[in-house]
N, C-alpha and C. Protein backbone atom coordinates (compact mmCIF):
# COMPACT_ATOMS: atom_id res chain seq x y z
N UNK A 1 156.38 -89.53 40.25
CA UNK A 1 156.97 -90.86 40.24
C UNK A 1 157.75 -91.01 38.94
N UNK A 2 158.94 -91.54 39.04
CA UNK A 2 159.78 -91.67 37.86
C UNK A 2 159.29 -92.80 36.96
N UNK A 3 159.73 -92.73 35.70
CA UNK A 3 159.35 -93.73 34.71
C UNK A 3 159.78 -95.13 35.14
N UNK A 4 160.99 -95.25 35.72
CA UNK A 4 161.49 -96.56 36.12
C UNK A 4 160.68 -97.14 37.27
N UNK A 5 160.21 -96.29 38.19
CA UNK A 5 159.39 -96.78 39.30
C UNK A 5 158.03 -97.26 38.81
N UNK A 6 157.45 -96.56 37.86
CA UNK A 6 156.17 -96.99 37.28
C UNK A 6 156.36 -98.33 36.58
N UNK A 7 157.41 -98.43 35.82
CA UNK A 7 157.67 -99.65 35.08
C UNK A 7 157.93 -100.83 36.03
N UNK A 8 158.68 -100.60 37.10
CA UNK A 8 158.98 -101.65 38.07
C UNK A 8 157.70 -102.14 38.74
N UNK A 9 156.88 -101.22 39.20
CA UNK A 9 155.62 -101.58 39.84
C UNK A 9 154.75 -102.38 38.88
N UNK A 10 154.66 -101.94 37.65
CA UNK A 10 153.85 -102.63 36.65
C UNK A 10 154.38 -104.03 36.37
N UNK A 11 155.68 -104.16 36.26
CA UNK A 11 156.29 -105.47 36.01
C UNK A 11 156.01 -106.43 37.15
N UNK A 12 156.12 -105.97 38.38
CA UNK A 12 155.85 -106.84 39.54
C UNK A 12 154.40 -107.28 39.54
N UNK A 13 153.50 -106.34 39.34
CA UNK A 13 152.07 -106.66 39.33
C UNK A 13 151.74 -107.64 38.22
N UNK A 14 152.22 -107.35 37.01
CA UNK A 14 151.92 -108.22 35.87
C UNK A 14 152.54 -109.61 36.04
N UNK A 15 153.71 -109.68 36.66
CA UNK A 15 154.33 -110.98 36.88
C UNK A 15 153.49 -111.84 37.83
N UNK A 16 153.03 -111.25 38.94
CA UNK A 16 152.17 -112.00 39.86
C UNK A 16 150.85 -112.38 39.19
N UNK A 17 150.28 -111.48 38.40
CA UNK A 17 149.03 -111.78 37.71
C UNK A 17 149.22 -112.95 36.75
N UNK A 18 150.33 -112.95 36.03
CA UNK A 18 150.63 -114.03 35.11
C UNK A 18 150.78 -115.36 35.85
N UNK A 19 151.50 -115.34 36.97
CA UNK A 19 151.67 -116.55 37.76
C UNK A 19 150.33 -117.09 38.26
N UNK A 20 149.44 -116.20 38.64
CA UNK A 20 148.11 -116.62 39.10
C UNK A 20 147.33 -117.22 37.93
N UNK A 21 147.34 -116.54 36.79
CA UNK A 21 146.61 -117.04 35.62
C UNK A 21 147.13 -118.40 35.16
N UNK A 22 148.43 -118.60 35.26
CA UNK A 22 149.04 -119.85 34.81
C UNK A 22 148.93 -120.96 35.86
N UNK A 23 148.41 -120.65 37.06
CA UNK A 23 148.21 -121.67 38.07
C UNK A 23 149.38 -121.90 39.00
N UNK A 24 150.39 -121.04 38.94
CA UNK A 24 151.52 -121.17 39.87
C UNK A 24 151.08 -120.89 41.30
N UNK A 25 150.11 -120.01 41.44
CA UNK A 25 149.45 -119.77 42.73
C UNK A 25 148.00 -120.16 42.55
N UNK A 26 147.52 -121.02 43.42
CA UNK A 26 146.17 -121.54 43.30
C UNK A 26 145.21 -120.81 44.24
N UNK A 27 143.93 -120.97 43.98
CA UNK A 27 142.91 -120.36 44.81
C UNK A 27 143.14 -120.73 46.27
N UNK A 28 143.11 -119.71 47.14
CA UNK A 28 143.30 -119.92 48.56
C UNK A 28 144.75 -119.91 49.02
N UNK A 29 145.66 -119.92 48.07
CA UNK A 29 147.08 -119.91 48.42
C UNK A 29 147.54 -118.49 48.74
N UNK A 30 148.47 -118.39 49.66
CA UNK A 30 149.01 -117.09 50.06
C UNK A 30 150.13 -116.68 49.10
N UNK A 31 150.12 -115.41 48.73
CA UNK A 31 151.28 -114.84 48.05
C UNK A 31 152.35 -114.59 49.10
N UNK A 32 153.60 -114.43 48.68
CA UNK A 32 154.63 -114.09 49.66
C UNK A 32 154.25 -112.80 50.40
N UNK A 33 154.68 -112.70 51.66
CA UNK A 33 154.40 -111.47 52.39
C UNK A 33 155.05 -110.31 51.65
N UNK A 34 154.53 -109.11 51.89
CA UNK A 34 155.09 -107.91 51.25
C UNK A 34 156.58 -107.82 51.58
N UNK A 35 156.91 -108.08 52.84
CA UNK A 35 158.31 -107.99 53.26
C UNK A 35 159.17 -109.02 52.52
N UNK A 36 158.73 -110.27 52.49
CA UNK A 36 159.51 -111.31 51.82
C UNK A 36 159.63 -111.05 50.32
N UNK A 37 158.53 -110.64 49.71
CA UNK A 37 158.58 -110.36 48.26
C UNK A 37 159.52 -109.19 47.98
N UNK A 38 159.48 -108.16 48.82
CA UNK A 38 160.36 -107.01 48.58
C UNK A 38 161.82 -107.40 48.75
N UNK A 39 162.12 -108.27 49.73
CA UNK A 39 163.49 -108.74 49.90
C UNK A 39 163.93 -109.60 48.72
N UNK A 40 163.05 -110.52 48.29
CA UNK A 40 163.38 -111.40 47.16
C UNK A 40 163.60 -110.61 45.88
N UNK A 41 162.78 -109.57 45.68
CA UNK A 41 162.84 -108.79 44.44
C UNK A 41 163.83 -107.63 44.52
N UNK A 42 164.28 -107.32 45.73
CA UNK A 42 165.21 -106.21 45.90
C UNK A 42 164.58 -104.85 45.67
N UNK A 43 163.31 -104.72 46.09
CA UNK A 43 162.60 -103.46 45.90
C UNK A 43 162.04 -102.98 47.24
N UNK A 44 161.59 -101.75 47.26
CA UNK A 44 160.97 -101.17 48.44
C UNK A 44 159.65 -101.89 48.73
N UNK A 45 159.34 -102.17 50.00
CA UNK A 45 158.07 -102.81 50.33
C UNK A 45 156.85 -102.05 49.80
N UNK A 46 156.95 -100.72 49.72
CA UNK A 46 155.82 -99.94 49.20
C UNK A 46 155.52 -100.29 47.74
N UNK A 47 156.54 -100.64 46.98
CA UNK A 47 156.34 -101.03 45.58
C UNK A 47 155.54 -102.33 45.51
N UNK A 48 155.90 -103.29 46.35
CA UNK A 48 155.17 -104.57 46.38
C UNK A 48 153.76 -104.35 46.90
N UNK A 49 153.61 -103.52 47.94
CA UNK A 49 152.28 -103.25 48.50
C UNK A 49 151.37 -102.64 47.44
N UNK A 50 151.91 -101.72 46.65
CA UNK A 50 151.11 -101.10 45.59
C UNK A 50 150.72 -102.13 44.53
N UNK A 51 151.66 -103.01 44.18
CA UNK A 51 151.35 -104.06 43.20
C UNK A 51 150.26 -104.98 43.74
N UNK A 52 150.36 -105.37 45.01
CA UNK A 52 149.35 -106.23 45.63
C UNK A 52 147.99 -105.54 45.66
N UNK A 53 147.98 -104.24 45.97
CA UNK A 53 146.70 -103.52 46.02
C UNK A 53 146.05 -103.49 44.63
N UNK A 54 146.85 -103.29 43.60
CA UNK A 54 146.31 -103.32 42.24
C UNK A 54 145.77 -104.71 41.89
N UNK A 55 146.49 -105.75 42.30
CA UNK A 55 146.02 -107.12 42.07
C UNK A 55 144.68 -107.34 42.78
N UNK A 56 144.54 -106.79 43.97
CA UNK A 56 143.27 -106.90 44.70
C UNK A 56 142.18 -106.13 43.97
N UNK A 57 142.50 -104.93 43.51
CA UNK A 57 141.52 -104.11 42.78
C UNK A 57 141.06 -104.81 41.50
N UNK A 58 141.96 -105.59 40.89
CA UNK A 58 141.63 -106.29 39.65
C UNK A 58 141.02 -107.67 39.90
N UNK A 59 140.87 -108.05 41.17
CA UNK A 59 140.18 -109.30 41.49
C UNK A 59 141.05 -110.55 41.54
N UNK A 60 142.34 -110.39 41.45
CA UNK A 60 143.23 -111.55 41.51
C UNK A 60 143.40 -112.08 42.94
N UNK A 61 143.48 -111.16 43.88
CA UNK A 61 143.76 -111.55 45.26
C UNK A 61 142.82 -110.81 46.21
N UNK A 62 142.80 -111.30 47.43
CA UNK A 62 142.12 -110.60 48.52
C UNK A 62 143.16 -110.33 49.58
N UNK A 63 143.23 -109.11 50.05
CA UNK A 63 144.16 -108.75 51.10
C UNK A 63 143.43 -108.80 52.43
N UNK A 64 143.91 -109.65 53.31
CA UNK A 64 143.31 -109.79 54.63
C UNK A 64 144.28 -109.20 55.64
N UNK A 65 143.86 -108.13 56.33
CA UNK A 65 144.77 -107.49 57.29
C UNK A 65 145.34 -108.48 58.30
N UNK A 66 146.62 -108.35 58.56
CA UNK A 66 147.38 -109.16 59.52
C UNK A 66 147.49 -110.62 59.11
N UNK A 67 147.00 -110.96 57.92
CA UNK A 67 147.11 -112.33 57.44
C UNK A 67 147.90 -112.39 56.15
N UNK A 68 147.56 -111.54 55.18
CA UNK A 68 148.30 -111.50 53.94
C UNK A 68 147.40 -111.44 52.73
N UNK A 69 148.00 -111.75 51.60
CA UNK A 69 147.32 -111.71 50.30
C UNK A 69 147.00 -113.12 49.86
N UNK A 70 145.72 -113.40 49.66
CA UNK A 70 145.25 -114.73 49.29
C UNK A 70 144.69 -114.70 47.88
N UNK A 71 145.08 -115.68 47.09
CA UNK A 71 144.62 -115.75 45.70
C UNK A 71 143.13 -116.10 45.68
N UNK A 72 142.40 -115.33 44.91
CA UNK A 72 140.98 -115.60 44.72
C UNK A 72 140.81 -116.47 43.47
N UNK A 73 139.68 -117.12 43.37
CA UNK A 73 139.41 -117.86 42.15
C UNK A 73 139.42 -116.86 41.01
N UNK A 74 140.14 -117.18 39.98
CA UNK A 74 140.28 -116.22 38.90
C UNK A 74 139.93 -116.86 37.57
N UNK A 75 138.93 -116.31 36.94
CA UNK A 75 138.62 -116.73 35.57
C UNK A 75 138.36 -115.46 34.78
N UNK A 76 139.17 -115.26 33.79
CA UNK A 76 139.05 -114.04 33.00
C UNK A 76 138.96 -114.40 31.53
N UNK A 77 138.46 -113.46 30.81
CA UNK A 77 138.44 -113.56 29.36
C UNK A 77 139.85 -113.19 28.88
N UNK A 78 140.64 -114.16 28.41
CA UNK A 78 142.03 -113.87 28.05
C UNK A 78 142.19 -112.77 27.01
N UNK A 79 141.29 -112.72 26.04
CA UNK A 79 141.42 -111.68 25.02
C UNK A 79 141.19 -110.29 25.62
N UNK A 80 140.19 -110.18 26.48
CA UNK A 80 139.90 -108.89 27.11
C UNK A 80 141.06 -108.49 28.02
N UNK A 81 141.61 -109.45 28.73
CA UNK A 81 142.74 -109.17 29.62
C UNK A 81 143.94 -108.67 28.82
N UNK A 82 144.19 -109.27 27.69
CA UNK A 82 145.29 -108.85 26.83
C UNK A 82 145.07 -107.43 26.34
N UNK A 83 143.87 -107.13 25.91
CA UNK A 83 143.55 -105.78 25.44
C UNK A 83 143.73 -104.77 26.57
N UNK A 84 143.27 -105.11 27.78
CA UNK A 84 143.43 -104.21 28.92
C UNK A 84 144.90 -104.00 29.26
N UNK A 85 145.69 -105.05 29.17
CA UNK A 85 147.13 -104.95 29.44
C UNK A 85 147.79 -104.01 28.43
N UNK A 86 147.45 -104.16 27.17
CA UNK A 86 148.00 -103.29 26.13
C UNK A 86 147.57 -101.85 26.37
N UNK A 87 146.32 -101.66 26.76
CA UNK A 87 145.83 -100.30 27.03
C UNK A 87 146.59 -99.66 28.19
N UNK A 88 146.88 -100.44 29.23
CA UNK A 88 147.64 -99.90 30.37
C UNK A 88 149.04 -99.48 29.93
N UNK A 89 149.68 -100.31 29.11
CA UNK A 89 151.01 -99.97 28.62
C UNK A 89 150.97 -98.74 27.72
N UNK A 90 149.94 -98.63 26.89
CA UNK A 90 149.81 -97.45 26.03
C UNK A 90 149.59 -96.19 26.86
N UNK A 91 148.84 -96.30 27.94
CA UNK A 91 148.63 -95.16 28.82
C UNK A 91 149.96 -94.67 29.41
N UNK A 92 150.83 -95.61 29.75
CA UNK A 92 152.15 -95.23 30.26
C UNK A 92 152.96 -94.56 29.15
N UNK A 93 152.93 -95.13 27.95
CA UNK A 93 153.66 -94.52 26.84
C UNK A 93 153.18 -93.11 26.53
N UNK A 94 151.88 -92.86 26.71
CA UNK A 94 151.31 -91.54 26.40
C UNK A 94 151.90 -90.44 27.28
N UNK A 95 152.46 -90.82 28.43
CA UNK A 95 153.08 -89.80 29.29
C UNK A 95 154.43 -89.34 28.72
N UNK A 96 154.98 -90.11 27.80
CA UNK A 96 156.30 -89.79 27.26
C UNK A 96 156.32 -89.51 25.76
N UNK A 97 155.30 -89.98 25.04
CA UNK A 97 155.28 -89.87 23.59
C UNK A 97 153.93 -89.36 23.11
N UNK A 98 153.95 -88.74 21.94
CA UNK A 98 152.68 -88.31 21.33
C UNK A 98 152.02 -89.53 20.71
N UNK A 99 150.74 -89.38 20.39
CA UNK A 99 150.02 -90.48 19.74
C UNK A 99 150.67 -90.87 18.41
N UNK A 100 151.12 -89.88 17.65
CA UNK A 100 151.77 -90.18 16.37
C UNK A 100 153.08 -90.94 16.58
N UNK A 101 153.84 -90.57 17.61
CA UNK A 101 155.09 -91.29 17.89
C UNK A 101 154.81 -92.74 18.29
N UNK A 102 153.80 -92.93 19.12
CA UNK A 102 153.43 -94.28 19.54
C UNK A 102 152.99 -95.10 18.34
N UNK A 103 152.17 -94.50 17.48
CA UNK A 103 151.71 -95.19 16.29
C UNK A 103 152.88 -95.60 15.40
N UNK A 104 153.86 -94.71 15.23
CA UNK A 104 155.04 -95.04 14.42
C UNK A 104 155.85 -96.15 15.06
N UNK A 105 155.99 -96.13 16.36
CA UNK A 105 156.71 -97.20 17.07
C UNK A 105 156.01 -98.54 16.84
N UNK A 106 154.69 -98.55 16.97
CA UNK A 106 153.93 -99.78 16.77
C UNK A 106 154.02 -100.27 15.33
N UNK A 107 153.93 -99.36 14.38
CA UNK A 107 154.04 -99.74 12.96
C UNK A 107 155.42 -100.35 12.69
N UNK A 108 156.46 -99.68 13.20
CA UNK A 108 157.82 -100.20 13.02
C UNK A 108 157.98 -101.56 13.67
N UNK A 109 157.41 -101.72 14.84
CA UNK A 109 157.50 -103.01 15.55
C UNK A 109 156.86 -104.12 14.72
N UNK A 110 155.69 -103.83 14.19
CA UNK A 110 154.99 -104.83 13.40
C UNK A 110 155.72 -105.16 12.10
N UNK A 111 156.51 -104.19 11.61
CA UNK A 111 157.32 -104.43 10.42
C UNK A 111 158.63 -105.11 10.78
N UNK A 112 158.96 -105.20 12.07
CA UNK A 112 160.18 -105.85 12.50
C UNK A 112 161.37 -104.92 12.66
N UNK A 113 161.11 -103.61 12.73
CA UNK A 113 162.19 -102.64 12.91
C UNK A 113 162.54 -102.55 14.38
N UNK A 114 163.84 -102.60 14.70
CA UNK A 114 164.31 -102.53 16.08
C UNK A 114 164.61 -101.08 16.47
N UNK A 115 164.11 -100.64 17.66
CA UNK A 115 164.31 -99.26 18.13
C UNK A 115 165.33 -99.16 19.24
N UNK A 116 166.24 -100.10 19.38
CA UNK A 116 167.23 -100.05 20.48
C UNK A 116 168.21 -98.94 20.31
């Protein structure tokens, strides 16, 4: 899987998770169908399906066959969630950079150095 596909899937999943945490989708509410979400986002339905499955695995939603994805009651420890999110992003970076390179990028970021 290419780097851009991993990043796209992660962005879609994290965006829906954020919307759920912020209350844009409430408990019992349906997320858009995989087909509708893929059309709205301009991505392959498999990308949305994978994002939804990850959301289900993380407890944000429940996938009911032939019905759709329903938001579950969600209460998380925000600090732990943030740490887990950072860890997931670091795991992705590890596929492309050494630990020392990642550490230097983080140090530069904290100092305000731009890597564009």
